[in-house]
């Protein structure tokens, strides 16, 4: 596996209720609106600690487009097929092509929460990573983020592998623990 595999990945993924698209600059407004409405539930995400303006969203989306175009990762923005309602953003990052593995990150829209849409979107992206040849997809969550821990283990079905002590700083700058979860490519079993 190498970055060319990421460059050849589909720009669009379909699941039962969703269409996931590679990033487009014109989604900055819907992304920022969702982020600002969802802030109360995003206390553990460093770049989601304050309301953001459209200009910030435009820069964020440009970064996503450029990052994916360099083959450094994959980003998808999920929308409901029936209503075109924005569901969330999922990225596959921190690729180690030799292993091969990556990490998944996700931020869901508060207005579509509770319907299993982010679960469906994340699992579609994990399956895409496996289709590309990843042996495992990891997820890291702060040890104090009960909601994220539950989502990774119970909703996504990832295996809890352990705790990484003093792994990174939290949004307040304190050194904290991260819980490592992983899903394994069933095609390689």
Protein backbone atom coordinates (compact mmCIF):
# COMPACT_ATOMS: atom_id res chain seq x y z
CA UNK A 1 0.00 0.00 0.00
CA UNK A 2 1.07 3.60 -0.64
CA UNK A 3 -0.33 7.09 -1.15
CA UNK A 4 -1.33 6.21 -4.72
CA UNK A 5 -3.95 3.88 -3.26
CA UNK A 6 -5.47 6.87 -1.45
CA UNK A 7 -5.35 8.96 -4.61
CA UNK A 8 -7.27 6.21 -6.43
CA UNK A 9 -9.96 5.92 -3.73
CA UNK A 10 -13.51 6.72 -4.81
CA UNK A 11 -14.58 10.35 -4.47
CA UNK A 12 -18.02 9.15 -3.45
CA UNK A 13 -19.22 6.26 -1.29
CA UNK A 14 -22.85 5.11 -1.04
CA UNK A 15 -24.33 3.32 1.94
CA UNK A 16 -27.92 2.35 2.73
CA UNK A 17 -29.00 5.87 3.75
CA UNK A 18 -26.04 8.06 2.92
CA UNK A 19 -23.82 9.50 0.23
CA UNK A 20 -20.29 10.32 1.37
CA UNK A 21 -18.38 12.81 -0.77
CA UNK A 22 -14.77 13.85 -0.95
CA UNK A 23 -14.46 17.45 0.31
CA UNK A 24 -15.72 20.35 -1.75
CA UNK A 25 -15.08 24.01 -0.86
CA UNK A 26 -18.77 24.88 -1.29
CA UNK A 27 -19.63 22.84 1.82
CA UNK A 28 -17.89 25.31 4.12
CA UNK A 29 -21.16 26.99 5.10
CA UNK A 30 -22.99 23.77 6.02
CA UNK A 31 -19.91 22.47 7.86
CA UNK A 32 -19.52 25.67 9.92
CA UNK A 33 -23.24 25.85 10.68
CA UNK A 34 -23.20 22.23 11.87
CA UNK A 35 -20.05 22.76 13.90
CA UNK A 36 -21.45 25.83 15.63
CA UNK A 37 -24.77 24.11 16.43
CA UNK A 38 -22.95 20.99 17.67
CA UNK A 39 -20.40 22.76 19.93
CA UNK A 40 -21.89 21.56 23.26
CA UNK A 41 -21.12 17.96 22.28
CA UNK A 42 -17.64 18.63 20.90
CA UNK A 43 -15.77 19.49 24.10
CA UNK A 44 -13.00 16.99 23.32
CA UNK A 45 -12.13 18.26 19.82
CA UNK A 46 -9.41 20.91 19.87
CA UNK A 47 -10.56 22.80 16.77
CA UNK A 48 -14.19 22.82 17.94
CA UNK A 49 -13.92 24.92 21.07
CA UNK A 50 -15.46 28.16 19.79
CA UNK A 51 -17.91 29.31 17.17
CA UNK A 52 -16.33 29.55 13.75
CA UNK A 53 -16.90 31.96 10.90
CA UNK A 54 -17.44 31.04 7.26
CA UNK A 55 -13.88 32.12 6.38
CA UNK A 56 -12.50 29.58 8.86
CA UNK A 57 -14.68 26.87 7.28
CA UNK A 58 -13.49 27.78 3.79
CA UNK A 59 -9.87 27.47 4.91
CA UNK A 60 -10.65 24.15 6.67
CA UNK A 61 -12.26 22.70 3.53
CA UNK A 62 -9.39 23.93 1.32
CA UNK A 63 -6.99 22.13 3.65
CA UNK A 64 -9.08 18.94 3.38
CA UNK A 65 -9.05 19.15 -0.44
CA UNK A 66 -5.28 19.78 -0.59
CA UNK A 67 -4.46 17.13 2.02
CA UNK A 68 -6.42 14.47 0.14
CA UNK A 69 -4.94 15.61 -3.21
CA UNK A 70 -1.44 14.94 -1.82
CA UNK A 71 -2.45 11.38 -0.90
CA UNK A 72 -1.93 11.98 2.81
CA UNK A 73 -5.38 10.82 3.86
CA UNK A 74 -9.03 10.54 2.94
CA UNK A 75 -11.85 12.82 3.98
CA UNK A 76 -15.55 12.33 3.40
CA UNK A 77 -18.52 14.56 4.14
CA UNK A 78 -21.68 12.51 4.72
CA UNK A 79 -25.17 13.54 3.62
CA UNK A 80 -28.48 11.73 3.89
CA UNK A 81 -29.49 10.34 0.50
CA UNK A 82 -33.18 11.17 0.85
CA UNK A 83 -32.99 14.71 2.28
CA UNK A 84 -29.41 15.78 1.52
CA UNK A 85 -29.13 16.75 5.21
CA UNK A 86 -25.55 17.07 6.42
CA UNK A 87 -24.56 14.21 8.76
CA UNK A 88 -20.87 14.71 9.50
CA UNK A 89 -17.22 14.60 8.53
CA UNK A 90 -15.06 11.45 8.60
CA UNK A 91 -11.34 11.26 7.91
CA UNK A 92 -8.88 8.41 7.56
CA UNK A 93 -5.52 9.81 8.64
CA UNK A 94 -2.12 8.92 10.12
CA UNK A 95 -1.51 6.24 7.51
CA UNK A 96 1.31 3.77 7.97
CA UNK A 97 1.49 2.11 4.56
CA UNK A 98 3.99 -0.51 5.70
CA UNK A 99 1.72 -1.92 8.43
CA UNK A 100 -0.76 -1.04 6.71
CA UNK A 101 -3.04 0.92 9.04
CA UNK A 102 -4.68 4.28 9.62
CA UNK A 103 -6.72 6.13 12.20
CA UNK A 104 -10.32 7.24 11.78
CA UNK A 105 -11.68 10.53 13.07
CA UNK A 106 -15.25 11.79 12.94
CA UNK A 107 -17.43 14.74 13.89
CA UNK A 108 -21.19 14.35 13.62
CA UNK A 109 -23.97 16.89 13.28
CA UNK A 110 -26.07 17.30 16.43
CA UNK A 111 -29.28 17.67 14.40
CA UNK A 112 -28.99 14.17 12.91
CA UNK A 113 -27.74 12.45 16.09
CA UNK A 114 -29.44 9.37 17.49
CA UNK A 115 -30.42 7.76 14.20
CA UNK A 116 -27.29 5.69 13.55
CA UNK A 117 -26.23 7.85 10.60
CA UNK A 118 -22.73 8.62 11.87
CA UNK A 119 -22.26 4.95 12.69
CA UNK A 120 -23.21 4.09 9.11
CA UNK A 121 -20.91 6.79 7.72
CA UNK A 122 -17.90 5.79 9.81
CA UNK A 123 -18.34 2.10 9.04
CA UNK A 124 -18.55 2.90 5.30
CA UNK A 125 -15.22 4.73 5.57
CA UNK A 126 -13.66 1.90 7.57
CA UNK A 127 -14.79 -0.53 4.90
CA UNK A 128 -13.23 1.74 2.27
CA UNK A 129 -9.92 1.61 4.17
CA UNK A 130 -10.14 -2.18 4.21
CA UNK A 131 -10.95 -2.27 0.50
CA UNK A 132 -7.83 -0.21 -0.16
CA UNK A 133 -5.76 -2.77 1.78
CA UNK A 134 -5.54 -1.51 5.37
CA UNK A 135 -5.11 -4.35 7.82
CA UNK A 136 -6.48 -2.29 10.71
CA UNK A 137 -8.23 0.99 11.39
CA UNK A 138 -7.62 2.60 14.76
CA UNK A 139 -9.63 5.10 16.77
CA UNK A 140 -8.29 7.09 19.71
CA UNK A 141 -10.54 8.67 22.32
CA UNK A 142 -9.75 10.60 25.47
CA UNK A 143 -10.17 8.31 28.46
CA UNK A 144 -12.62 10.78 30.01
CA UNK A 145 -14.85 11.01 26.91
CA UNK A 146 -17.48 8.43 27.88
CA UNK A 147 -19.65 9.16 24.84
CA UNK A 148 -16.80 8.57 22.37
CA UNK A 149 -15.64 5.45 24.18
CA UNK A 150 -19.14 3.99 24.01
CA UNK A 151 -19.50 4.91 20.32
CA UNK A 152 -16.20 3.28 19.32
CA UNK A 153 -16.76 0.09 21.26
CA UNK A 154 -20.52 -0.45 21.10
CA UNK A 155 -21.81 1.40 18.05
CA UNK A 156 -18.82 0.76 15.78
CA UNK A 157 -17.87 -2.61 17.26
CA UNK A 158 -14.18 -1.72 17.55
CA UNK A 159 -12.02 -3.73 19.94
CA UNK A 160 -10.69 -1.86 22.94
CA UNK A 161 -6.96 -2.56 22.92
CA UNK A 162 -5.71 -0.50 25.84
CA UNK A 163 -4.88 2.85 27.36
CA UNK A 164 -2.02 5.05 26.21
CA UNK A 165 -0.91 6.91 29.33
CA UNK A 166 0.08 10.58 29.10
CA UNK A 167 -0.37 10.32 25.34
CA UNK A 168 -1.41 13.84 24.33
CA UNK A 169 -2.72 17.13 25.63
CA UNK A 170 -6.44 17.77 25.98
CA UNK A 171 -8.27 20.92 24.92
CA UNK A 172 -7.21 22.63 28.17
CA UNK A 173 -3.55 21.73 27.62
CA UNK A 174 -3.42 19.01 30.29
CA UNK A 175 -1.55 15.80 29.57
CA UNK A 176 -4.08 12.98 29.35
CA UNK A 177 -4.70 9.36 28.54
CA UNK A 178 -6.11 8.02 25.29
CA UNK A 179 -7.98 4.75 24.80
CA UNK A 180 -6.97 2.84 21.67
CA UNK A 181 -9.61 0.95 19.70
CA UNK A 182 -9.19 -0.96 16.45
CA UNK A 183 -11.11 -2.78 13.77
CA UNK A 184 -9.39 -5.47 11.72
CA UNK A 185 -9.78 -6.17 8.04
CA UNK A 186 -11.97 -9.30 7.75
CA UNK A 187 -10.61 -9.88 4.23
CA UNK A 188 -7.19 -10.65 5.73
CA UNK A 189 -8.37 -13.25 8.27
